[in-house]
C-alpha atoms as a PDB file:
ATOM      1  CA  UNK A   1      65.268 -35.712  24.171  1.00  0.00           C
ATOM      2  CA  UNK A   2      64.075 -39.289  24.334  1.00  0.00           C
ATOM      3  CA  UNK A   3      60.554 -39.419  25.696  1.00  0.00           C
ATOM      4  CA  UNK A   4      59.902 -35.706  25.141  1.00  0.00           C
ATOM      5  CA  UNK A   5      56.972 -34.688  22.994  1.00  0.00           C
ATOM      6  CA  UNK A   6      57.496 -31.695  20.734  1.00  0.00           C
ATOM      7  CA  UNK A   7      54.638 -29.238  20.882  1.00  0.00           C
ATOM      8  CA  UNK A   8      53.628 -27.500  17.652  1.00  0.00           C
ATOM      9  CA  UNK A   9      50.820 -25.275  16.477  1.00  0.00           C
ATOM     10  CA  UNK A  10      49.998 -23.939  13.012  1.00  0.00           C
ATOM     11  CA  UNK A  11      50.952 -20.278  12.622  1.00  0.00           C
ATOM     12  CA  UNK A  12      47.578 -19.497  10.996  1.00  0.00           C
ATOM     13  CA  UNK A  13      45.744 -20.933  14.024  1.00  0.00           C
ATOM     14  CA  UNK A  14      47.892 -18.881  16.410  1.00  0.00           C
ATOM     15  CA  UNK A  15      47.236 -15.693  14.453  1.00  0.00           C
ATOM     16  CA  UNK A  16      43.494 -16.341  14.133  1.00  0.00           C
ATOM     17  CA  UNK A  17      43.048 -16.996  17.828  1.00  0.00           C
ATOM     18  CA  UNK A  18      45.293 -14.150  19.015  1.00  0.00           C
ATOM     19  CA  UNK A  19      43.152 -11.776  16.958  1.00  0.00           C
ATOM     20  CA  UNK A  20      39.977 -13.294  18.467  1.00  0.00           C
ATOM     21  CA  UNK A  21      41.411 -12.811  21.967  1.00  0.00           C
ATOM     22  CA  UNK A  22      42.025  -9.065  21.662  1.00  0.00           C
ATOM     23  CA  UNK A  23      45.424  -8.834  19.998  1.00  0.00           C
ATOM     24  CA  UNK A  24      45.740  -6.298  17.192  1.00  0.00           C
ATOM     25  CA  UNK A  25      48.062  -7.000  14.278  1.00  0.00           C
ATOM     26  CA  UNK A  26      50.563  -4.550  12.854  1.00  0.00           C
ATOM     27  CA  UNK A  27      52.587  -5.651   9.829  1.00  0.00           C
ATOM     28  CA  UNK A  28      56.241  -4.742   9.477  1.00  0.00           C
ATOM     29  CA  UNK A  29      58.620  -5.616   6.639  1.00  0.00           C
ATOM     30  CA  UNK A  30      59.571  -9.081   7.912  1.00  0.00           C
ATOM     31  CA  UNK A  31      57.326  -9.676  10.922  1.00  0.00           C
ATOM     32  CA  UNK A  32      53.830  -9.066  12.203  1.00  0.00           C
ATOM     33  CA  UNK A  33      53.483  -7.595  15.673  1.00  0.00           C
ATOM     34  CA  UNK A  34      50.512  -8.656  17.821  1.00  0.00           C
ATOM     35  CA  UNK A  35      49.697  -6.283  20.693  1.00  0.00           C
ATOM     36  CA  UNK A  36      47.039  -7.095  23.297  1.00  0.00           C
ATOM     37  CA  UNK A  37      44.358  -4.481  23.963  1.00  0.00           C
ATOM     38  CA  UNK A  38      42.088  -4.584  26.985  1.00  0.00           C
ATOM     39  CA  UNK A  39      38.370  -4.962  26.271  1.00  0.00           C
ATOM     40  CA  UNK A  40      38.001  -1.180  26.732  1.00  0.00           C
ATOM     41  CA  UNK A  41      40.480  -0.662  23.855  1.00  0.00           C
ATOM     42  CA  UNK A  42      43.472   0.333  25.996  1.00  0.00           C
ATOM     43  CA  UNK A  43      46.755  -0.982  24.606  1.00  0.00           C
ATOM     44  CA  UNK A  44      48.922  -3.072  26.940  1.00  0.00           C
ATOM     45  CA  UNK A  45      52.612  -3.910  26.920  1.00  0.00           C
ATOM     46  CA  UNK A  46      51.833  -7.548  26.090  1.00  0.00           C
ATOM     47  CA  UNK A  47      52.992  -8.304  22.567  1.00  0.00           C
ATOM     48  CA  UNK A  48      54.557 -10.970  20.423  1.00  0.00           C
ATOM     49  CA  UNK A  49      55.801 -11.275  16.844  1.00  0.00           C
ATOM     50  CA  UNK A  50      55.605 -13.804  14.033  1.00  0.00           C
ATOM     51  CA  UNK A  51      57.526 -13.893  10.787  1.00  0.00           C
ATOM     52  CA  UNK A  52      55.665 -13.334   7.521  1.00  0.00           C
ATOM     53  CA  UNK A  53      57.282 -16.578   6.335  1.00  0.00           C
ATOM     54  CA  UNK A  54      55.305 -18.743   8.785  1.00  0.00           C
ATOM     55  CA  UNK A  55      51.611 -18.645   7.698  1.00  0.00           C
ATOM     56  CA  UNK A  56      51.174 -22.330   6.806  1.00  0.00           C
ATOM     57  CA  UNK A  57      54.039 -23.628   8.896  1.00  0.00           C
ATOM     58  CA  UNK A  58      54.194 -25.288  12.260  1.00  0.00           C
ATOM     59  CA  UNK A  59      55.598 -23.238  15.128  1.00  0.00           C
ATOM     60  CA  UNK A  60      57.700 -25.423  17.443  1.00  0.00           C
ATOM     61  CA  UNK A  61      57.886 -25.480  21.214  1.00  0.00           C
ATOM     62  CA  UNK A  62      60.982 -23.259  21.452  1.00  0.00           C
ATOM     63  CA  UNK A  63      59.294 -20.409  19.585  1.00  0.00           C
ATOM     64  CA  UNK A  64      55.969 -21.077  21.324  1.00  0.00           C
ATOM     65  CA  UNK A  65      57.746 -20.748  24.685  1.00  0.00           C
ATOM     66  CA  UNK A  66      59.267 -17.433  23.595  1.00  0.00           C
ATOM     67  CA  UNK A  67      55.887 -16.143  22.449  1.00  0.00           C
ATOM     68  CA  UNK A  68      54.359 -17.231  25.759  1.00  0.00           C
ATOM     69  CA  UNK A  69      56.966 -15.289  27.750  1.00  0.00           C
ATOM     70  CA  UNK A  70      56.440 -12.214  25.568  1.00  0.00           C
ATOM     71  CA  UNK A  71      52.741 -12.141  26.449  1.00  0.00           C
ATOM     72  CA  UNK A  72      53.287 -12.927  30.135  1.00  0.00           C
ATOM     73  CA  UNK A  73      52.213 -16.572  30.152  1.00  0.00           C
ATOM     74  CA  UNK A  74      53.658 -20.014  30.703  1.00  0.00           C
ATOM     75  CA  UNK A  75      53.777 -22.306  27.674  1.00  0.00           C
ATOM     76  CA  UNK A  76      50.774 -24.239  28.981  1.00  0.00           C
ATOM     77  CA  UNK A  77      48.756 -21.028  29.456  1.00  0.00           C
ATOM     78  CA  UNK A  78      49.746 -19.781  25.992  1.00  0.00           C
ATOM     79  CA  UNK A  79      48.640 -23.051  24.398  1.00  0.00           C
ATOM     80  CA  UNK A  80      45.331 -22.678  26.229  1.00  0.00           C
ATOM     81  CA  UNK A  81      45.069 -19.138  24.853  1.00  0.00           C
ATOM     82  CA  UNK A  82      45.627 -20.215  21.231  1.00  0.00           C
ATOM     83  CA  UNK A  83      43.633 -23.454  21.564  1.00  0.00           C
ATOM     84  CA  UNK A  84      40.754 -21.453  23.100  1.00  0.00           C
ATOM     85  CA  UNK A  85      40.135 -22.864  26.624  1.00  0.00           C
ATOM     86  CA  UNK A  86      41.622 -19.601  28.001  1.00  0.00           C
ATOM     87  CA  UNK A  87      39.156 -16.828  27.186  1.00  0.00           C
ATOM     88  CA  UNK A  88      39.982 -13.222  26.477  1.00  0.00           C
ATOM     89  CA  UNK A  89      38.473 -12.199  29.824  1.00  0.00           C
ATOM     90  CA  UNK A  90      40.513 -14.809  31.712  1.00  0.00           C
ATOM     91  CA  UNK A  91      43.715 -13.687  29.947  1.00  0.00           C
ATOM     92  CA  UNK A  92      42.937 -10.059  30.712  1.00  0.00           C
ATOM     93  CA  UNK A  93      42.415 -10.931  34.387  1.00  0.00           C
ATOM     94  CA  UNK A  94      45.734 -12.817  34.443  1.00  0.00           C
ATOM     95  CA  UNK A  95      47.765  -9.975  32.991  1.00  0.00           C
ATOM     96  CA  UNK A  96      46.037  -7.284  35.043  1.00  0.00           C
ATOM     97  CA  UNK A  97      47.086  -9.263  38.123  1.00  0.00           C
ATOM     98  CA  UNK A  98      50.703  -9.394  36.928  1.00  0.00           C
ATOM     99  CA  UNK A  99      50.839  -5.674  36.190  1.00  0.00           C
ATOM    100  CA  UNK A 100      49.881  -4.625  39.731  1.00  0.00           C
END
């Protein structure tokens, strides 16, 4: 682990930006489910979850990597999605290409 940099993001920032990028939130008892909808409103199979216990907490690279895989992205692409360089349209284009 020496020399490795741990990647973290605030759960609130992740949620805020997923919602901006076309994910819709559905609350369960312990977790919130975020499902991506195309710009025409069609639901996709791309989804991820976050615990209700995480709002102000940092999400570490292990969980970020899992979330990235769940929504069909690499960790780097997912970080770009939640940090905003990757737009909703660009993400939609990426996943449409993977679903063909």
